Each structure stands twice: as C-alpha cells, then as structure tokens.
Amino acid sequence: MNRKGANNTYWGNIKEGVSSMATGLKLSFRHILEARKSRTPIGVADPEYFTQETGIVTLQYPHETIPVPDNGRYRLHNEIEDCIVCDKCAKICPVNCIDIEPVRAVEEIGKTSDGSSRRIYAAKFDIDMGKCCFCGLCTTVCPTECLTMTKAYDFSEFDVADHNYAFSEMTPLEIMKKKQALEAFMEQKKQAKTTATSPDTTDEKPVDAAKLKAAGYRPKAASARPVPVAKKPDEDAQDNQLAETPQETARRIMEARKQKDMPPSADHTDHIDPQD
C-alpha cells in the first residue's frame, strides 16, 4: 500500500531513511560513550538494581555470574548425614523423580544436626533432575531440612542419564550386611515372642500363701462332689445277680441244688480198721 502525503516521493523516502538511521546511530554512540566503565553486577533483590542504567552489562561467563537470589529454585541437594529416610519427599513429588530404598537398622545409628534419631539406612537415594519440575514441595515437607535447592542453575549434560544424582554413600557389600543383620534380628525377635507366649511351667516359683492372704486373696470353695461309699460283699453279690440274665440265674440255682444232693465225699468218711 502506498502512503499518501508529501513524503511519498523518491526524495522524501530518502530523507526519512536518513533521519531514522541518524536517530539510531545517536542512541548507539551514546551507549558506546557510557560503556567506558563496567557496571557492578547485583542481584534483582538489590534496591539499586533498576538504578544502574549505564555501564558494561556483558559478563565473562563462567568466570563472572550474576548473583542468584537465595529463594531461587534450582538443583536439588541432600545432606545424607541429616536424612532420616522418612520417605516424605518421594511421596509428595508430583513427577516421581526421587527414588529411595530404606533399610531399617537394629539400633540407633546416629543423630542429625537438629537432634533427631537416625534408625534407617539409605541404601538408595537418587534424584533425577531430568524429571524435576522445580516445584520445591520436597524441600517443604522435609522434617530435618536436609533436602534443599541450591543456587546451581547451570548443570547441563550431554547425556540425560547424567542428570540422575545419587546421594547414598553405602556400598553394595554394606547394604547386604545390613539386610542380613536385620533378618537375623527379626528372626530372634520372633523366637523371643514365641517363647513368651508359651512359658515353661518348670521355672514357676512357689506361691507364698501368707503374702496372698495378706493381700486379701481368698480361695474359692470347692464344689461338693459325692464321695464313693464302699459296698459290702452281699451288696456286690446282689448287684451281680441283678446284672444276670434269667438263663444264668436258673443255671446257678440248678448247680447249687446238685451240690446239695450229692453224697459226702470219701475223703470225709470214717476210717474202719479190718481187724475190728
């Protein structure tokens, strides 16, 4: 679209171009004169950050860097000596970039800088900064404040796998020994619990009756039970007769009659002398 007016001519366009170029060169020459001195690098939190409008702003990175704010969220770091392996950071992480493998100790293994007891070994504590979204939630829930975000913002790598940072200091041999010690401790605890549920009666001490009486203990009255009475022989015979069948009773009566009608035995007769 062609512009309408007095400058919409050949010489008018040349005049407008020269004027625009002169304005730009004037601004550039002014910055060249002001760049004879360097500007002190300060952070954005400094109150004089926006007052420094002149000076050289180019820094010789990485030898010179702009100050990083203290509340900046950059690369994560864990002080493993202060970590109690509570697993809160791994649970709250929205992208699951923290991988932890805990191994419980059989006793207290030390204290953190704030006095908390350490009872769990960190067999594995890896943070994959390639997945991290820099939300800072893991640093908020850490009870010992061992997990922090540092000022290291330039940690680029050629391989993305190098963004996985391992903070555990245990060797595979140490991990195996700690797991074996835990298994032995749990087995010993299980045996002790089994022994406690089935106590040995041979180890029981005799009860002191005097102490029980002084404490107000009264034994329960024994329940009345019928005492068996010894039966007489005649009663036993009667009981046996009652238990006999009619056939056995008749047989017993016949045998008694036969014995009564039999003549006296030769052994009981008087001895007669032949000479008499």
Protein backbone atom coordinates (compact mmCIF):
# COMPACT_ATOMS: atom_id res chain seq x y z
CA MET A 1 0.00 0.00 0.00
CA ASN A 2 1.44 3.35 -0.97
CA ARG A 3 1.46 6.12 1.57
CA LYS A 4 -0.23 9.39 0.73
CA GLY A 5 1.42 12.78 1.50
CA ALA A 6 4.37 14.98 0.72
CA ASN A 7 6.98 12.37 1.74
CA ASN A 8 5.56 9.76 -0.59
CA THR A 9 8.16 10.62 -3.17
CA TYR A 10 11.57 9.43 -4.13
CA TRP A 11 13.47 12.15 -2.26
CA GLY A 12 11.03 12.08 0.62
CA ASN A 13 11.71 8.37 1.28
CA ILE A 14 15.48 9.02 1.23
CA LYS A 15 15.09 11.84 3.73
CA GLU A 16 13.00 9.65 6.09
CA GLY A 17 15.53 6.81 5.91
CA VAL A 18 18.48 9.07 6.71
CA SER A 19 16.59 10.63 9.66
CA SER A 20 15.66 7.21 11.11
CA MET A 21 19.25 5.97 10.73
CA ALA A 22 20.64 9.09 12.41
CA THR A 23 18.33 8.61 15.40
CA GLY A 24 19.52 5.02 15.82
CA LEU A 25 23.19 5.92 15.45
CA LYS A 26 22.78 8.69 18.01
CA LEU A 27 21.45 6.18 20.56
CA SER A 28 24.24 3.69 19.73
CA PHE A 29 27.02 6.33 20.07
CA ARG A 30 25.61 7.40 23.42
CA HIS A 31 25.80 3.81 24.73
CA ILE A 32 29.36 3.48 23.39
CA LEU A 33 30.46 6.54 25.38
CA GLU A 34 28.69 5.26 28.54
CA ALA A 35 30.29 1.79 28.20
CA ARG A 36 33.75 3.08 29.05
CA LYS A 37 33.18 1.85 32.63
CA SER A 38 31.81 -1.53 33.81
CA ARG A 39 28.69 -1.91 35.88
CA THR A 40 28.78 -3.76 39.21
CA PRO A 41 26.72 -6.97 38.87
CA ILE A 42 23.99 -7.08 41.52
CA GLY A 43 21.01 -9.33 42.04
CA VAL A 44 17.40 -8.47 41.33
CA ALA A 45 16.70 -8.28 45.07
CA ASP A 46 19.08 -5.33 45.44
CA PRO A 47 17.20 -1.99 45.80
CA GLU A 48 19.62 -0.30 43.32
CA TYR A 49 19.09 -2.94 40.61
CA PHE A 50 16.98 -0.66 38.38
CA THR A 51 19.03 2.49 39.06
CA GLN A 52 22.11 1.19 37.24
CA GLU A 53 21.21 2.03 33.68
CA THR A 54 24.70 2.70 32.29
CA GLY A 55 27.86 0.65 32.03
CA ILE A 56 29.03 -2.62 30.52
CA VAL A 57 26.49 -5.38 31.24
CA THR A 58 28.22 -8.26 29.48
CA LEU A 59 29.79 -10.70 31.96
CA GLN A 60 32.70 -13.02 31.26
CA TYR A 61 30.73 -16.19 31.98
CA PRO A 62 31.55 -18.61 33.63
CA HIS A 63 34.24 -16.55 35.38
CA GLU A 64 31.63 -13.90 36.21
CA THR A 65 28.00 -14.60 37.06
CA ILE A 66 25.01 -12.56 38.12
CA PRO A 67 24.14 -13.14 41.81
CA VAL A 68 21.39 -15.70 42.28
CA PRO A 69 18.51 -14.99 44.72
CA ASP A 70 18.53 -17.03 47.92
CA ASN A 71 14.96 -18.18 47.36
CA GLY A 72 15.67 -19.43 43.84
CA ARG A 73 14.60 -22.99 42.98
CA TYR A 74 17.34 -24.76 41.07
CA ARG A 75 19.26 -28.04 41.51
CA LEU A 76 18.34 -30.24 44.49
CA HIS A 77 20.90 -31.35 47.08
CA ASN A 78 20.54 -33.73 50.02
CA GLU A 79 22.72 -33.80 53.14
CA ILE A 80 22.63 -37.54 53.60
CA GLU A 81 24.08 -37.31 57.13
CA ASP A 82 20.97 -35.40 58.26
CA CYS A 83 18.49 -37.56 56.35
CA ILE A 84 16.26 -39.85 58.46
CA VAL A 85 14.85 -41.59 55.34
CA CYS A 86 11.26 -40.69 56.19
CA ASP A 87 10.21 -41.01 52.51
CA LYS A 88 8.03 -37.88 52.66
CA CYS A 89 9.84 -36.17 49.79
CA ALA A 90 9.35 -39.17 47.49
CA LYS A 91 5.64 -39.40 48.33
CA ILE A 92 4.87 -35.73 47.70
CA CYS A 93 6.90 -35.41 44.47
CA PRO A 94 4.38 -34.93 41.62
CA VAL A 95 6.72 -36.34 38.93
CA ASN A 96 8.32 -39.20 40.96
CA CYS A 97 11.87 -38.02 40.42
CA ILE A 98 13.07 -39.20 43.88
CA ASP A 99 13.86 -42.90 44.34
CA ILE A 100 14.57 -44.17 47.88
CA GLU A 101 15.37 -47.67 49.20
CA PRO A 102 15.33 -47.77 53.02
CA VAL A 103 16.94 -50.46 55.21
CA ARG A 104 15.88 -50.43 58.85
CA ALA A 105 18.66 -50.60 61.43
CA VAL A 106 18.52 -52.83 64.51
CA GLU A 107 19.51 -49.89 66.73
CA GLU A 108 20.08 -46.14 66.61
CA ILE A 109 22.84 -45.31 64.13
CA GLY A 110 23.35 -41.65 65.00
CA LYS A 111 21.87 -38.18 65.38
CA THR A 112 21.13 -35.46 62.85
CA SER A 113 22.21 -31.84 63.23
CA ASP A 114 18.85 -30.96 64.83
CA GLY A 115 19.00 -33.89 67.30
CA SER A 116 16.67 -36.32 65.51
CA SER A 117 17.44 -40.03 65.82
CA ARG A 118 18.59 -41.94 62.75
CA ARG A 119 17.26 -45.51 62.67
CA ILE A 120 17.07 -46.21 58.92
CA TYR A 121 19.88 -46.61 56.40
CA ALA A 122 19.54 -45.02 52.96
CA ALA A 123 20.59 -47.87 50.70
CA LYS A 124 19.47 -45.76 47.74
CA PHE A 125 18.65 -42.06 47.45
CA ASP A 126 18.60 -40.92 43.82
CA ILE A 127 17.18 -37.67 42.41
CA ASP A 128 16.58 -37.46 38.66
CA MET A 129 16.86 -33.75 37.85
CA GLY A 130 15.86 -34.54 34.27
CA LYS A 131 12.31 -35.15 35.59
CA CYS A 132 12.26 -32.45 38.27
CA CYS A 133 9.72 -29.64 37.78
CA PHE A 134 11.37 -27.41 40.43
CA CYS A 135 8.20 -27.06 42.49
CA GLY A 136 10.03 -27.18 45.82
CA LEU A 137 7.43 -29.36 47.58
CA CYS A 138 10.06 -31.91 48.65
CA THR A 139 12.05 -29.25 50.49
CA THR A 140 8.91 -28.04 52.26
CA VAL A 141 7.94 -31.37 53.84
CA CYS A 142 11.48 -32.42 54.84
CA PRO A 143 11.42 -32.60 58.69
CA THR A 144 15.19 -32.17 59.14
CA GLU A 145 15.61 -29.67 56.25
CA CYS A 146 18.36 -31.81 54.73
CA LEU A 147 16.84 -31.52 51.24
CA THR A 148 17.40 -28.07 49.75
CA MET A 149 17.51 -26.34 46.38
CA THR A 150 20.94 -24.86 45.67
CA LYS A 151 21.96 -21.88 43.51
CA ALA A 152 23.46 -24.15 40.84
CA TYR A 153 21.27 -23.36 37.82
CA ASP A 154 23.67 -24.42 35.04
CA PHE A 155 24.02 -28.21 35.20
CA SER A 156 23.58 -29.11 31.56
CA GLU A 157 24.84 -32.53 30.40
CA PHE A 158 25.41 -34.24 27.07
CA ASP A 159 23.56 -37.35 28.29
CA VAL A 160 20.21 -37.04 30.08
CA ALA A 161 21.13 -40.04 32.27
CA ASP A 162 23.81 -37.88 33.90
CA HIS A 163 21.05 -35.79 35.49
CA ASN A 164 20.45 -38.64 37.96
CA TYR A 165 22.29 -37.73 41.18
CA ALA A 166 22.98 -40.45 43.77
CA PHE A 167 23.40 -39.29 47.38
CA SER A 168 23.68 -42.66 49.14
CA GLU A 169 27.18 -43.46 50.41
CA MET A 170 26.63 -47.18 51.12
CA THR A 171 28.40 -49.84 49.07
CA PRO A 172 26.59 -52.98 47.85
CA LEU A 173 28.51 -55.06 50.43
CA GLU A 174 27.42 -52.79 53.27
CA ILE A 175 23.81 -52.94 52.10
CA MET A 176 23.90 -56.75 52.03
CA LYS A 177 25.37 -56.91 55.57
CA LYS A 178 22.76 -54.51 56.96
CA LYS A 179 19.94 -56.54 55.40
CA GLN A 180 21.33 -59.79 56.84
CA ALA A 181 21.64 -58.20 60.28
CA LEU A 182 18.02 -57.03 60.08
CA GLU A 183 16.79 -60.51 59.07
CA ALA A 184 18.70 -62.11 61.98
CA PHE A 185 17.28 -59.53 64.41
CA MET A 186 13.69 -60.12 63.21
CA GLU A 187 14.12 -63.90 63.49
CA GLN A 188 15.47 -63.56 67.04
CA LYS A 189 12.59 -61.26 67.94
CA LYS A 190 10.09 -63.74 66.54
CA GLN A 191 11.57 -66.60 68.58
CA ALA A 192 11.51 -64.49 71.74
CA LYS A 193 7.86 -63.66 71.14
CA THR A 194 7.02 -67.35 70.65
CA THR A 195 8.80 -68.25 73.89
CA ALA A 196 6.94 -65.51 75.76
CA THR A 197 3.52 -66.78 74.60
CA SER A 198 4.28 -70.37 75.81
CA PRO A 199 6.10 -70.07 79.18
CA ASP A 200 7.80 -73.04 80.81
CA THR A 201 5.99 -74.22 83.97
CA THR A 202 9.19 -75.63 85.49
CA ASP A 203 10.50 -72.12 86.07
CA GLU A 204 7.48 -71.02 88.08
CA LYS A 205 8.22 -70.05 91.66
CA PRO A 206 6.08 -71.41 94.54
CA VAL A 207 3.35 -69.07 95.68
CA ASP A 208 3.67 -67.69 99.19
CA ALA A 209 0.32 -68.37 100.92
CA ALA A 210 1.00 -65.80 103.63
CA LYS A 211 1.52 -62.99 101.11
CA LEU A 212 -1.65 -63.96 99.25
CA LYS A 213 -3.63 -63.96 102.48
CA ALA A 214 -2.22 -60.55 103.45
CA ALA A 215 -3.20 -59.20 100.05
CA GLY A 216 -6.81 -60.26 100.64
CA TYR A 217 -6.85 -63.31 98.40
CA ARG A 218 -9.45 -65.93 99.32
CA PRO A 219 -9.53 -69.30 97.59
CA LYS A 220 -12.78 -70.36 96.03
CA ALA A 221 -14.80 -73.05 97.84
CA ALA A 222 -14.51 -76.44 96.26
CA SER A 223 -17.66 -77.77 94.66
CA ALA A 224 -19.37 -80.54 96.65
CA ARG A 225 -18.86 -83.85 94.94
CA PRO A 226 -20.40 -87.20 96.06
CA VAL A 227 -17.93 -89.39 97.93
CA PRO A 228 -17.98 -93.02 96.75
CA VAL A 229 -19.12 -95.43 99.56
CA ALA A 230 -17.57 -98.89 99.81
CA LYS A 231 -20.11 -101.59 99.23
CA LYS A 232 -20.42 -104.76 101.31
CA PRO A 233 -19.83 -108.19 99.74
CA ASP A 234 -23.54 -109.04 99.98
CA GLU A 235 -24.45 -105.88 98.14
CA ASP A 236 -21.91 -106.71 95.44
CA ALA A 237 -23.48 -110.14 95.05
CA GLN A 238 -26.93 -108.61 94.80
CA ASP A 239 -25.70 -106.21 92.17
CA ASN A 240 -24.19 -109.09 90.24
CA GLN A 241 -27.47 -111.02 90.48
CA LEU A 242 -29.38 -108.06 89.18
CA ALA A 243 -26.99 -107.87 86.28
CA GLU A 244 -27.50 -111.60 85.40
CA THR A 245 -29.85 -112.80 82.72
CA PRO A 246 -32.73 -115.21 83.60
CA GLN A 247 -30.87 -118.14 81.97
CA GLU A 248 -27.73 -117.51 84.04
CA THR A 249 -29.87 -117.30 87.22
CA ALA A 250 -31.57 -120.65 86.50
CA ARG A 251 -28.25 -122.34 85.77
CA ARG A 252 -26.77 -121.06 89.03
CA ILE A 253 -29.77 -122.39 91.07
CA MET A 254 -29.53 -125.88 89.45
CA GLU A 255 -25.83 -126.13 90.21
CA ALA A 256 -26.49 -125.19 93.84
CA ARG A 257 -29.13 -127.96 94.19
CA LYS A 258 -26.87 -130.61 92.67
CA GLN A 259 -24.12 -129.81 95.12
CA LYS A 260 -26.64 -130.07 97.98
CA ASP A 261 -27.95 -133.55 96.96
CA MET A 262 -24.51 -135.12 96.38
CA PRO A 263 -23.34 -137.80 98.99
CA PRO A 264 -20.41 -136.97 101.21
CA SER A 265 -17.03 -137.43 99.70
CA ALA A 266 -14.85 -140.49 100.51
CA ASP A 267 -12.29 -138.22 101.96
CA HIS A 268 -14.74 -137.27 104.71
CA THR A 269 -15.84 -140.92 105.72
CA ASP A 270 -14.62 -142.53 108.93
CA HIS A 271 -11.71 -144.96 108.57
CA ILE A 272 -12.66 -148.63 109.62
CA ASP A 273 -9.97 -150.99 110.72
CA PRO A 274 -10.38 -154.55 109.10
CA GLN A 275 -9.25 -156.27 112.25
CA ASP A 276 -12.20 -154.74 114.08
